[in-house]
Each structure stands twice: as structure tokens, then as C-alpha cells.
Amino acid sequence: MPMTSAQIEADLREAFPDADIHIEDLAGDGDHYRARIVSNAFDGLSRVRQHQLVYQALKGKVGGALHALALETSAPQRN
């Protein structure tokens, strides 16, 4: 059963409460999403490590209930 964008955001919000999160359903089918996440939790981490944290936050749902997820992660810009 596909996940809704609200379910994805809820899991991400639990792991990254400070984050600016935007979820986009790419195909309108509830199976292919893009997530843009900006969080202080990503500060100083490689892109690979940032994505690993996101996968952990989604609790093993990627590849199952969540078929495809394109990730865009970053730490907030510092002035």
C-alpha cells in the first residue's frame, strides 16, 4: 500500500523537528516522491550521510511502502 505525502512528512518531522520539509508526489500515484529537507542535523555531514539519516527516519519503508524517493538534503545557509 502506497504512502501519502503526509505520512512521509510525519516520519521525517519526527526525526528532524527543526527541518524545512517539502514533499512532492512526482507521478501522482503515491509511489514516487521528491523530498527536500533542510535541517541543522545535516550540518557538516556528507550528502551520503544525510541521505542515510533520512532512510533511517523512514524506518525501512523505502523500497516497500515507499517505492521511490528522490532526496534533496542540506543544512541551512549560514550568513
Protein backbone atom coordinates (compact mmCIF):
# COMPACT_ATOMS: atom_id res chain seq x y z
CA MET A 1 0.00 0.00 0.00
CA PRO A 2 1.50 3.38 -1.02
CA MET A 3 2.41 6.07 1.49
CA THR A 4 0.87 9.52 1.46
CA SER A 5 2.99 12.64 1.47
CA ALA A 6 1.58 13.39 4.94
CA GLN A 7 2.86 10.02 6.23
CA ILE A 8 6.31 10.67 4.78
CA GLU A 9 6.41 14.15 6.27
CA ALA A 10 5.29 12.87 9.68
CA ASP A 11 8.16 10.35 9.81
CA LEU A 12 10.65 12.99 8.68
CA ARG A 13 9.29 15.60 11.10
CA GLU A 14 9.72 13.15 13.99
CA ALA A 15 13.41 12.70 13.13
CA PHE A 16 14.11 16.30 12.07
CA PRO A 17 11.78 18.57 14.10
CA ASP A 18 13.65 21.75 13.08
CA ALA A 19 13.56 20.94 9.36
CA ASP A 20 12.01 22.75 6.45
CA ILE A 21 10.40 19.81 4.61
CA HIS A 22 8.70 19.79 1.21
CA ILE A 23 7.27 16.57 -0.24
CA GLU A 24 6.22 16.35 -3.89
CA ASP A 25 4.36 13.43 -5.47
CA LEU A 26 6.18 13.18 -8.79
CA ALA A 27 3.82 10.87 -10.66
CA GLY A 28 0.53 11.38 -8.84
CA ASP A 29 0.49 7.70 -7.93
CA GLY A 30 1.57 7.80 -4.29
CA ASP A 31 4.68 5.77 -5.14
CA HIS A 32 7.20 8.29 -6.49
CA TYR A 33 8.15 11.28 -4.36
CA ARG A 34 10.75 14.01 -4.05
CA ALA A 35 11.66 15.21 -0.58
CA ARG A 36 13.52 18.46 0.02
CA ILE A 37 14.79 18.63 3.59
CA VAL A 38 16.81 21.45 5.13
CA SER A 39 17.88 20.67 8.68
CA ASN A 40 20.58 21.61 11.17
CA ALA A 41 21.03 17.85 11.67
CA PHE A 42 22.81 17.76 8.29
CA ASP A 43 25.40 20.42 9.16
CA GLY A 44 28.90 19.17 8.39
CA LEU A 45 27.71 15.81 7.05
CA SER A 46 28.38 14.39 3.61
CA ARG A 47 25.44 14.05 1.24
CA VAL A 48 25.64 10.27 1.62
CA ARG A 49 25.39 10.51 5.43
CA GLN A 50 22.49 12.99 5.14
CA HIS A 51 20.59 10.53 2.96
CA GLN A 52 21.36 7.65 5.33
CA LEU A 53 19.76 9.65 8.16
CA VAL A 54 16.66 10.21 6.03
CA TYR A 55 16.39 6.49 5.21
CA GLN A 56 16.70 5.69 8.92
CA ALA A 57 13.94 8.20 9.69
CA LEU A 58 11.65 6.44 7.22
CA LYS A 59 12.07 3.21 9.19
CA GLY A 60 12.72 0.79 6.34
CA LYS A 61 9.75 1.92 4.23
CA VAL A 62 11.85 2.92 1.20
CA GLY A 63 11.63 0.12 -1.33
CA GLY A 64 8.47 -1.22 0.32
CA ALA A 65 5.53 1.06 1.11
CA LEU A 66 7.53 3.89 -0.44
CA HIS A 67 8.62 2.74 -3.89
CA ALA A 68 10.84 5.65 -4.98
CA LEU A 69 12.17 8.72 -3.21
CA ALA A 70 14.38 11.41 -4.74
CA LEU A 71 16.21 13.28 -2.00
CA GLU A 72 17.50 16.82 -1.81
CA THR A 73 19.08 17.44 1.59
CA SER A 74 21.11 20.29 3.03
CA ALA A 75 21.92 22.25 6.14
CA PRO A 76 20.59 25.82 6.38
CA GLN A 77 22.72 28.50 4.73
CA ARG A 78 24.87 30.44 7.16
CA ASN A 79 25.44 34.17 6.71
